[in-house]
């Protein structure tokens, strides 16, 4: 699991922290506190180092539980930390989004990227002021100049990278095991919305041939999705490899599709991106909760 496109400047920090794993379905069920280290922080979230990814079956990344639980909810992290030079601690709830493994010389085996889901406005302002005071002025200037350039480039191309256009096009997908690289048989589906960075797929099931769209027996090896996207007017389907970033059960009882699944493109050609951009440029933008930032 790797981080996606970061929207905020991240300040490198080394500061001890403590965190608990909170059960998504039952917040009263939680782990004891574990020690870790704050690695960087931004206005959107933070990165921490830890040697723990689960405690007695309570996983930081628990998407595999959806196989047995139709009312699945992802687990959360309750994190307490103090920024260097400050006295008052921060206590925030976060949604773990990705992790990477540390090098042999690292003091921690894992590094987790987490997004704030509950933080006070006062604490967010404190973090903003701290980053301004301690961030490298030149790095800050270069970062926001780059962001501004990317936004300008998107306007010139008349399509924003994060525009999710409402577009129902046929889709065929296979699940690729992150452990064995085994592929499932193909399954037909349909897109709910589409962008040049990913799509929301409407699927009947999250499991094909004993392979789950997210991962199999362990969250340490994430599965990937081989996609064929049938854009009208194109002789051949566009192909891409993606990874599930979120999912939820469909709220419609009339549709044959039981799940909405957000898939981030990991591999897609620039040519196929251009075809998608041209196809969605005049289509209305998704305005429901199914519009998600990767």
C-alpha atoms as a PDB file:
ATOM      1  CA  UNK A   1       0.000   0.000   0.000  1.00  0.00           C
ATOM      2  CA  UNK A   2       1.512   3.275  -1.041  1.00  0.00           C
ATOM      3  CA  UNK A   3       0.509   6.896  -0.416  1.00  0.00           C
ATOM      4  CA  UNK A   4      -1.547   8.670  -3.038  1.00  0.00           C
ATOM      5  CA  UNK A   5      -1.161  12.230  -4.295  1.00  0.00           C
ATOM      6  CA  UNK A   6      -0.667  14.416  -1.232  1.00  0.00           C
ATOM      7  CA  UNK A   7      -2.695  17.621  -1.098  1.00  0.00           C
ATOM      8  CA  UNK A   8      -0.848  19.244   1.817  1.00  0.00           C
ATOM      9  CA  UNK A   9       2.726  20.167   2.644  1.00  0.00           C
ATOM     10  CA  UNK A  10       4.154  17.656   5.110  1.00  0.00           C
ATOM     11  CA  UNK A  11       6.551  18.748   7.838  1.00  0.00           C
ATOM     12  CA  UNK A  12       9.089  16.134   8.939  1.00  0.00           C
ATOM     13  CA  UNK A  13       8.991  15.671  12.709  1.00  0.00           C
ATOM     14  CA  UNK A  14      10.396  13.206  15.198  1.00  0.00           C
ATOM     15  CA  UNK A  15       8.260  13.059  18.316  1.00  0.00           C
ATOM     16  CA  UNK A  16       7.004  10.165  20.500  1.00  0.00           C
ATOM     17  CA  UNK A  17       3.304   9.335  20.399  1.00  0.00           C
ATOM     18  CA  UNK A  18       0.814   6.813  21.729  1.00  0.00           C
ATOM     19  CA  UNK A  19      -2.063   5.246  19.839  1.00  0.00           C
ATOM     20  CA  UNK A  20      -4.920   2.792  20.269  1.00  0.00           C
ATOM     21  CA  UNK A  21      -6.647   0.686  17.604  1.00  0.00           C
ATOM     22  CA  UNK A  22     -10.405   1.354  17.774  1.00  0.00           C
ATOM     23  CA  UNK A  23     -12.938  -1.167  16.464  1.00  0.00           C
ATOM     24  CA  UNK A  24     -14.908   0.517  13.669  1.00  0.00           C
ATOM     25  CA  UNK A  25     -18.190  -1.247  14.498  1.00  0.00           C
ATOM     26  CA  UNK A  26     -17.785  -0.979  18.272  1.00  0.00           C
ATOM     27  CA  UNK A  27     -15.701   1.976  19.523  1.00  0.00           C
ATOM     28  CA  UNK A  28     -15.795   0.499  23.023  1.00  0.00           C
ATOM     29  CA  UNK A  29     -13.595  -2.337  21.773  1.00  0.00           C
ATOM     30  CA  UNK A  30     -10.047  -1.010  21.636  1.00  0.00           C
ATOM     31  CA  UNK A  31      -6.451  -2.052  22.131  1.00  0.00           C
ATOM     32  CA  UNK A  32      -4.200  -0.903  24.977  1.00  0.00           C
ATOM     33  CA  UNK A  33      -1.998   2.081  24.087  1.00  0.00           C
ATOM     34  CA  UNK A  34       1.096   1.408  21.979  1.00  0.00           C
ATOM     35  CA  UNK A  35       4.168   3.553  21.626  1.00  0.00           C
ATOM     36  CA  UNK A  36       5.205   4.940  18.251  1.00  0.00           C
ATOM     37  CA  UNK A  37       6.938   7.872  16.633  1.00  0.00           C
ATOM     38  CA  UNK A  38       5.507  10.779  14.669  1.00  0.00           C
ATOM     39  CA  UNK A  39       7.379  10.995  11.367  1.00  0.00           C
ATOM     40  CA  UNK A  40       5.609  13.854   9.591  1.00  0.00           C
ATOM     41  CA  UNK A  41       2.474  15.953   9.889  1.00  0.00           C
ATOM     42  CA  UNK A  42       0.237  18.039   7.638  1.00  0.00           C
ATOM     43  CA  UNK A  43      -3.154  19.738   7.670  1.00  0.00           C
ATOM     44  CA  UNK A  44      -4.679  16.545   6.270  1.00  0.00           C
ATOM     45  CA  UNK A  45      -3.083  13.854   8.390  1.00  0.00           C
ATOM     46  CA  UNK A  46       0.132  12.377   9.712  1.00  0.00           C
ATOM     47  CA  UNK A  47       2.603   9.534   9.337  1.00  0.00           C
ATOM     48  CA  UNK A  48       3.736   7.427  12.260  1.00  0.00           C
ATOM     49  CA  UNK A  49       6.236   4.655  12.854  1.00  0.00           C
ATOM     50  CA  UNK A  50       5.206   1.522  14.754  1.00  0.00           C
ATOM     51  CA  UNK A  51       5.994  -2.152  15.189  1.00  0.00           C
ATOM     52  CA  UNK A  52       2.314  -3.035  15.625  1.00  0.00           C
ATOM     53  CA  UNK A  53      -0.330  -3.678  12.937  1.00  0.00           C
ATOM     54  CA  UNK A  54      -2.689  -5.800  15.043  1.00  0.00           C
ATOM     55  CA  UNK A  55      -3.460  -6.702  18.630  1.00  0.00           C
ATOM     56  CA  UNK A  56      -5.212 -10.008  19.346  1.00  0.00           C
ATOM     57  CA  UNK A  57      -7.099  -9.897  16.059  1.00  0.00           C
ATOM     58  CA  UNK A  58      -7.807  -6.148  16.196  1.00  0.00           C
ATOM     59  CA  UNK A  59      -6.136  -4.983  12.971  1.00  0.00           C
ATOM     60  CA  UNK A  60      -5.125  -1.486  11.940  1.00  0.00           C
ATOM     61  CA  UNK A  61      -6.187  -2.445   8.395  1.00  0.00           C
ATOM     62  CA  UNK A  62      -9.221  -4.717   8.737  1.00  0.00           C
ATOM     63  CA  UNK A  63     -10.800  -4.689   5.260  1.00  0.00           C
ATOM     64  CA  UNK A  64     -10.551  -8.495   5.087  1.00  0.00           C
ATOM     65  CA  UNK A  65     -13.342  -8.677   7.693  1.00  0.00           C
ATOM     66  CA  UNK A  66     -15.907  -7.597   5.104  1.00  0.00           C
ATOM     67  CA  UNK A  67     -15.946 -11.212   3.851  1.00  0.00           C
ATOM     68  CA  UNK A  68     -17.866 -12.260   6.952  1.00  0.00           C
ATOM     69  CA  UNK A  69     -19.580  -8.977   7.874  1.00  0.00           C
ATOM     70  CA  UNK A  70     -22.091  -7.198   5.651  1.00  0.00           C
ATOM     71  CA  UNK A  71     -22.101  -4.238   8.068  1.00  0.00           C
ATOM     72  CA  UNK A  72     -18.339  -3.865   7.964  1.00  0.00           C
ATOM     73  CA  UNK A  73     -16.728  -0.618   9.155  1.00  0.00           C
ATOM     74  CA  UNK A  74     -12.989   0.149   8.986  1.00  0.00           C
ATOM     75  CA  UNK A  75     -11.034   0.392  12.213  1.00  0.00           C
ATOM     76  CA  UNK A  76      -9.683   3.727  13.436  1.00  0.00           C
ATOM     77  CA  UNK A  77      -6.657   5.012  15.309  1.00  0.00           C
ATOM     78  CA  UNK A  78      -6.892   7.208  18.399  1.00  0.00           C
ATOM     79  CA  UNK A  79      -3.577   9.077  18.536  1.00  0.00           C
ATOM     80  CA  UNK A  80      -2.082  11.291  21.232  1.00  0.00           C
ATOM     81  CA  UNK A  81       1.057  13.304  20.503  1.00  0.00           C
ATOM     82  CA  UNK A  82       2.862  16.517  21.378  1.00  0.00           C
ATOM     83  CA  UNK A  83       4.748  18.603  18.845  1.00  0.00           C
ATOM     84  CA  UNK A  84       8.394  19.373  19.709  1.00  0.00           C
ATOM     85  CA  UNK A  85       8.667  22.562  21.735  1.00  0.00           C
ATOM     86  CA  UNK A  86       4.993  22.569  22.754  1.00  0.00           C
ATOM     87  CA  UNK A  87       3.344  21.471  26.005  1.00  0.00           C
ATOM     88  CA  UNK A  88      -0.289  20.840  25.128  1.00  0.00           C
ATOM     89  CA  UNK A  89      -0.942  17.430  23.538  1.00  0.00           C
ATOM     90  CA  UNK A  90      -3.121  16.685  20.508  1.00  0.00           C
ATOM     91  CA  UNK A  91      -5.720  13.905  20.625  1.00  0.00           C
ATOM     92  CA  UNK A  92      -7.101  12.998  17.189  1.00  0.00           C
ATOM     93  CA  UNK A  93      -9.069  10.199  15.545  1.00  0.00           C
ATOM     94  CA  UNK A  94      -7.598   9.024  12.254  1.00  0.00           C
ATOM     95  CA  UNK A  95      -8.452   6.663   9.435  1.00  0.00           C
ATOM     96  CA  UNK A  96      -5.364   4.617   8.428  1.00  0.00           C
ATOM     97  CA  UNK A  97      -4.968   4.892   4.642  1.00  0.00           C
ATOM     98  CA  UNK A  98      -1.707   3.158   3.740  1.00  0.00           C
ATOM     99  CA  UNK A  99       1.448   1.680   5.195  1.00  0.00           C
ATOM    100  CA  UNK A 100       4.976   0.853   4.085  1.00  0.00           C
ATOM    101  CA  UNK A 101       7.641  -1.354   5.602  1.00  0.00           C
ATOM    102  CA  UNK A 102      10.726   0.187   7.146  1.00  0.00           C
ATOM    103  CA  UNK A 103      14.280  -0.596   6.111  1.00  0.00           C
ATOM    104  CA  UNK A 104      16.502  -2.930   8.105  1.00  0.00           C
ATOM    105  CA  UNK A 105      18.124   0.054   9.832  1.00  0.00           C
ATOM    106  CA  UNK A 106      14.812   1.698  10.742  1.00  0.00           C
ATOM    107  CA  UNK A 107      13.724   1.552  14.397  1.00  0.00           C
ATOM    108  CA  UNK A 108      10.179   0.720  13.275  1.00  0.00           C
ATOM    109  CA  UNK A 109       8.946  -2.114  11.104  1.00  0.00           C
ATOM    110  CA  UNK A 110       5.991  -0.178   9.663  1.00  0.00           C
ATOM    111  CA  UNK A 111       5.096   3.390   8.743  1.00  0.00           C
ATOM    112  CA  UNK A 112       1.386   4.222   8.617  1.00  0.00           C
ATOM    113  CA  UNK A 113      -0.190   7.136   6.782  1.00  0.00           C
ATOM    114  CA  UNK A 114      -3.413   8.284   8.462  1.00  0.00           C
ATOM    115  CA  UNK A 115      -6.018  10.940   7.618  1.00  0.00           C
ATOM    116  CA  UNK A 116      -7.723  13.021  10.308  1.00  0.00           C
ATOM    117  CA  UNK A 117     -11.416  12.247  10.692  1.00  0.00           C
ATOM    118  CA  UNK A 118     -11.951  13.987  14.030  1.00  0.00           C
ATOM    119  CA  UNK A 119      -9.858  16.986  15.057  1.00  0.00           C
ATOM    120  CA  UNK A 120     -10.888  20.307  16.590  1.00  0.00           C
ATOM    121  CA  UNK A 121     -10.612  23.542  14.613  1.00  0.00           C
ATOM    122  CA  UNK A 122      -8.366  24.918  17.345  1.00  0.00           C
ATOM    123  CA  UNK A 123      -5.948  21.992  17.023  1.00  0.00           C
ATOM    124  CA  UNK A 124      -5.958  22.257  13.228  1.00  0.00           C
ATOM    125  CA  UNK A 125      -5.062  25.943  13.549  1.00  0.00           C
ATOM    126  CA  UNK A 126      -2.262  25.045  15.975  1.00  0.00           C
ATOM    127  CA  UNK A 127      -0.846  22.577  13.443  1.00  0.00           C
ATOM    128  CA  UNK A 128      -1.094  25.161  10.656  1.00  0.00           C
ATOM    129  CA  UNK A 129       0.772  27.770  12.701  1.00  0.00           C
ATOM    130  CA  UNK A 130       3.385  25.211  13.747  1.00  0.00           C
ATOM    131  CA  UNK A 131       4.069  24.229  10.123  1.00  0.00           C
ATOM    132  CA  UNK A 132       4.433  27.904   9.157  1.00  0.00           C
ATOM    133  CA  UNK A 133       6.896  28.509  11.993  1.00  0.00           C
ATOM    134  CA  UNK A 134       8.978  25.383  11.547  1.00  0.00           C
ATOM    135  CA  UNK A 135       8.644  24.505   7.877  1.00  0.00           C
ATOM    136  CA  UNK A 136      11.451  25.398   5.493  1.00  0.00           C
ATOM    137  CA  UNK A 137      10.367  28.605   3.751  1.00  0.00           C
ATOM    138  CA  UNK A 138      11.924  27.593   0.445  1.00  0.00           C
ATOM    139  CA  UNK A 139      10.387  24.107   0.578  1.00  0.00           C
ATOM    140  CA  UNK A 140       6.976  25.585   1.361  1.00  0.00           C
ATOM    141  CA  UNK A 141       7.294  28.026  -1.535  1.00  0.00           C
ATOM    142  CA  UNK A 142       8.347  25.305  -3.994  1.00  0.00           C
ATOM    143  CA  UNK A 143       5.607  22.933  -2.842  1.00  0.00           C
ATOM    144  CA  UNK A 144       2.761  25.415  -3.272  1.00  0.00           C
ATOM    145  CA  UNK A 145       4.202  26.702  -6.540  1.00  0.00           C
ATOM    146  CA  UNK A 146       4.179  23.121  -7.799  1.00  0.00           C
ATOM    147  CA  UNK A 147       0.589  22.643  -6.626  1.00  0.00           C
ATOM    148  CA  UNK A 148      -0.418  25.860  -8.353  1.00  0.00           C
ATOM    149  CA  UNK A 149       1.315  24.721 -11.542  1.00  0.00           C
ATOM    150  CA  UNK A 150      -0.489  21.387 -11.464  1.00  0.00           C
ATOM    151  CA  UNK A 151      -3.836  23.152 -11.044  1.00  0.00           C
ATOM    152  CA  UNK A 152      -3.044  25.497 -13.933  1.00  0.00           C
ATOM    153  CA  UNK A 153      -2.026  22.568 -16.119  1.00  0.00           C
ATOM    154  CA  UNK A 154      -5.304  20.839 -15.291  1.00  0.00           C
ATOM    155  CA  UNK A 155      -7.260  23.907 -16.404  1.00  0.00           C
ATOM    156  CA  UNK A 156      -5.343  24.074 -19.674  1.00  0.00           C
ATOM    157  CA  UNK A 157      -6.217  20.443 -20.335  1.00  0.00           C
ATOM    158  CA  UNK A 158      -9.859  21.261 -19.452  1.00  0.00           C
ATOM    159  CA  UNK A 159     -10.064  18.335 -17.084  1.00  0.00           C
ATOM    160  CA  UNK A 160      -9.201  18.269 -13.398  1.00  0.00           C
ATOM    161  CA  UNK A 161      -7.340  15.187 -12.120  1.00  0.00           C
ATOM    162  CA  UNK A 162      -9.841  14.871  -9.282  1.00  0.00           C
ATOM    163  CA  UNK A 163     -12.990  15.405 -11.353  1.00  0.00           C
ATOM    164  CA  UNK A 164     -15.263  12.393 -10.972  1.00  0.00           C
ATOM    165  CA  UNK A 165     -17.698  12.512 -13.875  1.00  0.00           C
ATOM    166  CA  UNK A 166     -20.961  10.606 -13.722  1.00  0.00           C
ATOM    167  CA  UNK A 167     -20.394   7.953 -16.375  1.00  0.00           C
ATOM    168  CA  UNK A 168     -21.956   4.493 -16.549  1.00  0.00           C
ATOM    169  CA  UNK A 169     -19.756   2.464 -18.896  1.00  0.00           C
ATOM    170  CA  UNK A 170     -19.288  -1.322 -19.058  1.00  0.00           C
ATOM    171  CA  UNK A 171     -16.392  -2.729 -17.081  1.00  0.00           C
ATOM    172  CA  UNK A 172     -14.709  -6.124 -16.833  1.00  0.00           C
ATOM    173  CA  UNK A 173     -12.325  -6.924 -13.999  1.00  0.00           C
ATOM    174  CA  UNK A 174     -10.165  -9.670 -12.537  1.00  0.00           C
ATOM    175  CA  UNK A 175      -8.763  -9.873  -9.011  1.00  0.00           C
ATOM    176  CA  UNK A 176      -5.011 -10.487  -8.726  1.00  0.00           C
ATOM    177  CA  UNK A 177      -3.808 -12.025  -5.457  1.00  0.00           C
ATOM    178  CA  UNK A 178      -1.093 -10.004  -3.737  1.00  0.00           C
ATOM    179  CA  UNK A 179       0.354 -13.226  -2.313  1.00  0.00           C
ATOM    180  CA  UNK A 180       0.265 -15.827  -5.071  1.00  0.00           C
ATOM    181  CA  UNK A 181      -0.415 -13.532  -8.092  1.00  0.00           C
ATOM    182  CA  UNK A 182      -3.279 -15.895  -8.953  1.00  0.00           C
ATOM    183  CA  UNK A 183      -5.972 -14.274 -11.111  1.00  0.00           C
ATOM    184  CA  UNK A 184      -9.700 -14.766 -10.772  1.00  0.00           C
ATOM    185  CA  UNK A 185     -11.999 -15.342 -13.716  1.00  0.00           C
ATOM    186  CA  UNK A 186     -13.318 -12.111 -15.293  1.00  0.00           C
ATOM    187  CA  UNK A 187     -16.452 -10.500 -13.915  1.00  0.00           C
ATOM    188  CA  UNK A 188     -18.721  -7.926 -15.571  1.00  0.00           C
ATOM    189  CA  UNK A 189     -19.524  -4.673 -13.789  1.00  0.00           C
ATOM    190  CA  UNK A 190     -20.292  -1.038 -14.522  1.00  0.00           C
ATOM    191  CA  UNK A 191     -18.757   2.297 -13.552  1.00  0.00           C
ATOM    192  CA  UNK A 192     -20.721   4.783 -11.467  1.00  0.00           C
ATOM    193  CA  UNK A 193     -18.219   7.581 -12.045  1.00  0.00           C
ATOM    194  CA  UNK A 194     -14.905   7.926 -13.820  1.00  0.00           C
ATOM    195  CA  UNK A 195     -11.798  10.101 -13.663  1.00  0.00           C
ATOM    196  CA  UNK A 196      -8.250  10.001 -15.022  1.00  0.00           C
ATOM    197  CA  UNK A 197      -7.022   8.808 -11.618  1.00  0.00           C
ATOM    198  CA  UNK A 198      -9.584   6.122 -10.861  1.00  0.00           C
ATOM    199  CA  UNK A 199     -13.245   5.139 -10.856  1.00  0.00           C
ATOM    200  CA  UNK A 200     -16.169   4.029  -8.749  1.00  0.00           C
ATOM    201  CA  UNK A 201     -17.295   0.563  -9.854  1.00  0.00           C
ATOM    202  CA  UNK A 202     -20.685  -1.011  -9.205  1.00  0.00           C
ATOM    203  CA  UNK A 203     -20.125  -4.717  -8.578  1.00  0.00           C
ATOM    204  CA  UNK A 204     -22.302  -7.664  -7.563  1.00  0.00           C
ATOM    205  CA  UNK A 205     -19.777  -9.232  -5.209  1.00  0.00           C
ATOM    206  CA  UNK A 206     -16.447  -8.435  -3.542  1.00  0.00           C
ATOM    207  CA  UNK A 207     -15.245 -12.044  -3.945  1.00  0.00           C
ATOM    208  CA  UNK A 208     -14.424 -14.080  -7.053  1.00  0.00           C
ATOM    209  CA  UNK A 209     -12.871 -17.567  -6.951  1.00  0.00           C
ATOM    210  CA  UNK A 210     -11.998 -17.164  -3.249  1.00  0.00           C
ATOM    211  CA  UNK A 211     -10.170 -13.907  -3.961  1.00  0.00           C
ATOM    212  CA  UNK A 212     -11.360 -10.702  -2.310  1.00  0.00           C
ATOM    213  CA  UNK A 213     -11.091  -7.337  -4.071  1.00  0.00           C
ATOM    214  CA  UNK A 214      -9.138  -5.826  -1.144  1.00  0.00           C
ATOM    215  CA  UNK A 215      -6.928  -8.611   0.227  1.00  0.00           C
ATOM    216  CA  UNK A 216      -7.060 -12.269   1.197  1.00  0.00           C
ATOM    217  CA  UNK A 217      -6.072 -13.714   4.573  1.00  0.00           C
ATOM    218  CA  UNK A 218      -3.814 -10.875   5.694  1.00  0.00           C
ATOM    219  CA  UNK A 219      -3.849  -7.095   5.195  1.00  0.00           C
ATOM    220  CA  UNK A 220      -0.079  -7.163   4.697  1.00  0.00           C
ATOM    221  CA  UNK A 221      -0.486  -8.281   1.061  1.00  0.00           C
ATOM    222  CA  UNK A 222      -3.022  -6.145  -0.782  1.00  0.00           C
ATOM    223  CA  UNK A 223      -4.726  -7.491  -3.903  1.00  0.00           C
ATOM    224  CA  UNK A 224      -4.892  -5.535  -7.155  1.00  0.00           C
ATOM    225  CA  UNK A 225      -7.571  -5.267  -9.850  1.00  0.00           C
ATOM    226  CA  UNK A 226      -7.012  -5.784 -13.584  1.00  0.00           C
ATOM    227  CA  UNK A 227      -9.527  -3.531 -15.357  1.00  0.00           C
ATOM    228  CA  UNK A 228     -10.936  -3.374 -18.866  1.00  0.00           C
ATOM    229  CA  UNK A 229     -12.956  -0.190 -19.417  1.00  0.00           C
ATOM    230  CA  UNK A 230     -15.230  -0.076 -22.454  1.00  0.00           C
ATOM    231  CA  UNK A 231     -15.386   3.580 -23.510  1.00  0.00           C
ATOM    232  CA  UNK A 232     -18.024   4.230 -26.212  1.00  0.00           C
ATOM    233  CA  UNK A 233     -16.484   4.831 -29.628  1.00  0.00           C
ATOM    234  CA  UNK A 234     -13.263   2.964 -28.835  1.00  0.00           C
ATOM    235  CA  UNK A 235     -12.483  -0.228 -30.756  1.00  0.00           C
ATOM    236  CA  UNK A 236     -10.665  -1.837 -27.821  1.00  0.00           C
ATOM    237  CA  UNK A 237     -11.194  -1.514 -24.075  1.00  0.00           C
ATOM    238  CA  UNK A 238      -8.809   0.611 -22.042  1.00  0.00           C
ATOM    239  CA  UNK A 239      -6.726  -1.435 -19.624  1.00  0.00           C
ATOM    240  CA  UNK A 240      -5.463  -0.462 -16.199  1.00  0.00           C
ATOM    241  CA  UNK A 241      -4.295  -2.002 -12.947  1.00  0.00           C
ATOM    242  CA  UNK A 242      -5.845  -0.554  -9.818  1.00  0.00           C
ATOM    243  CA  UNK A 243      -6.231  -0.981  -6.087  1.00  0.00           C
ATOM    244  CA  UNK A 244      -9.350  -0.699  -3.933  1.00  0.00           C
ATOM    245  CA  UNK A 245      -9.221   2.402  -1.719  1.00  0.00           C
ATOM    246  CA  UNK A 246     -12.769   2.328  -0.306  1.00  0.00           C
ATOM    247  CA  UNK A 247     -16.017   0.429  -0.650  1.00  0.00           C
ATOM    248  CA  UNK A 248     -19.549   0.429   0.708  1.00  0.00           C
ATOM    249  CA  UNK A 249     -22.757  -1.509   0.272  1.00  0.00           C
ATOM    250  CA  UNK A 250     -25.211  -0.090  -2.256  1.00  0.00           C
ATOM    251  CA  UNK A 251     -28.198   1.682  -0.726  1.00  0.00           C
ATOM    252  CA  UNK A 252     -30.428   0.758  -3.662  1.00  0.00           C
ATOM    253  CA  UNK A 253     -32.554  -2.365  -3.323  1.00  0.00           C
ATOM    254  CA  UNK A 254     -33.507  -2.288  -7.012  1.00  0.00           C
ATOM    255  CA  UNK A 255     -30.026  -2.640  -8.495  1.00  0.00           C
ATOM    256  CA  UNK A 256     -28.304  -5.988  -9.036  1.00  0.00           C
ATOM    257  CA  UNK A 257     -25.057  -4.347  -7.923  1.00  0.00           C
ATOM    258  CA  UNK A 258     -24.483  -4.816  -4.200  1.00  0.00           C
ATOM    259  CA  UNK A 259     -21.359  -2.708  -3.719  1.00  0.00           C
ATOM    260  CA  UNK A 260     -19.817   0.600  -4.739  1.00  0.00           C
ATOM    261  CA  UNK A 261     -16.032   0.238  -4.913  1.00  0.00           C
ATOM    262  CA  UNK A 262     -13.531   3.085  -5.285  1.00  0.00           C
ATOM    263  CA  UNK A 263     -10.518   1.960  -7.330  1.00  0.00           C
ATOM    264  CA  UNK A 264      -7.331   3.997  -7.704  1.00  0.00           C
ATOM    265  CA  UNK A 265      -5.366   3.492 -10.931  1.00  0.00           C
ATOM    266  CA  UNK A 266      -1.838   2.243 -10.247  1.00  0.00           C
ATOM    267  CA  UNK A 267      -0.877   1.617 -13.879  1.00  0.00           C
ATOM    268  CA  UNK A 268      -2.518   3.240 -16.909  1.00  0.00           C
ATOM    269  CA  UNK A 269      -0.999   4.649 -20.094  1.00  0.00           C
ATOM    270  CA  UNK A 270      -0.992   8.365 -20.858  1.00  0.00           C
ATOM    271  CA  UNK A 271      -2.893   7.569 -24.059  1.00  0.00           C
ATOM    272  CA  UNK A 272      -5.701   5.892 -22.119  1.00  0.00           C
ATOM    273  CA  UNK A 273      -5.760   8.803 -19.650  1.00  0.00           C
ATOM    274  CA  UNK A 274      -6.243  11.173 -22.577  1.00  0.00           C
ATOM    275  CA  UNK A 275      -9.129   9.062 -23.899  1.00  0.00           C
ATOM    276  CA  UNK A 276     -10.817   9.191 -20.480  1.00  0.00           C
ATOM    277  CA  UNK A 277     -10.213  12.943 -20.206  1.00  0.00           C
ATOM    278  CA  UNK A 278     -11.810  13.552 -23.583  1.00  0.00           C
ATOM    279  CA  UNK A 279     -14.760  11.300 -22.767  1.00  0.00           C
ATOM    280  CA  UNK A 280     -15.605  12.898 -19.390  1.00  0.00           C
ATOM    281  CA  UNK A 281     -14.782  16.559 -20.062  1.00  0.00           C
ATOM    282  CA  UNK A 282     -18.400  17.562 -20.821  1.00  0.00           C
ATOM    283  CA  UNK A 283     -20.090  15.170 -18.414  1.00  0.00           C
ATOM    284  CA  UNK A 284     -21.585  16.335 -15.100  1.00  0.00           C
ATOM    285  CA  UNK A 285     -19.469  15.942 -12.004  1.00  0.00           C
ATOM    286  CA  UNK A 286     -20.420  13.457  -9.311  1.00  0.00           C
ATOM    287  CA  UNK A 287     -21.928  15.354  -6.368  1.00  0.00           C
ATOM    288  CA  UNK A 288     -22.956  12.487  -4.048  1.00  0.00           C
ATOM    289  CA  UNK A 289     -20.912  10.853  -1.293  1.00  0.00           C
ATOM    290  CA  UNK A 290     -19.561   8.503  -3.975  1.00  0.00           C
ATOM    291  CA  UNK A 291     -17.187  11.308  -4.974  1.00  0.00           C
ATOM    292  CA  UNK A 292     -14.070  10.462  -2.994  1.00  0.00           C
ATOM    293  CA  UNK A 293     -10.541  11.862  -2.926  1.00  0.00           C
ATOM    294  CA  UNK A 294      -8.034   9.066  -3.416  1.00  0.00           C
END
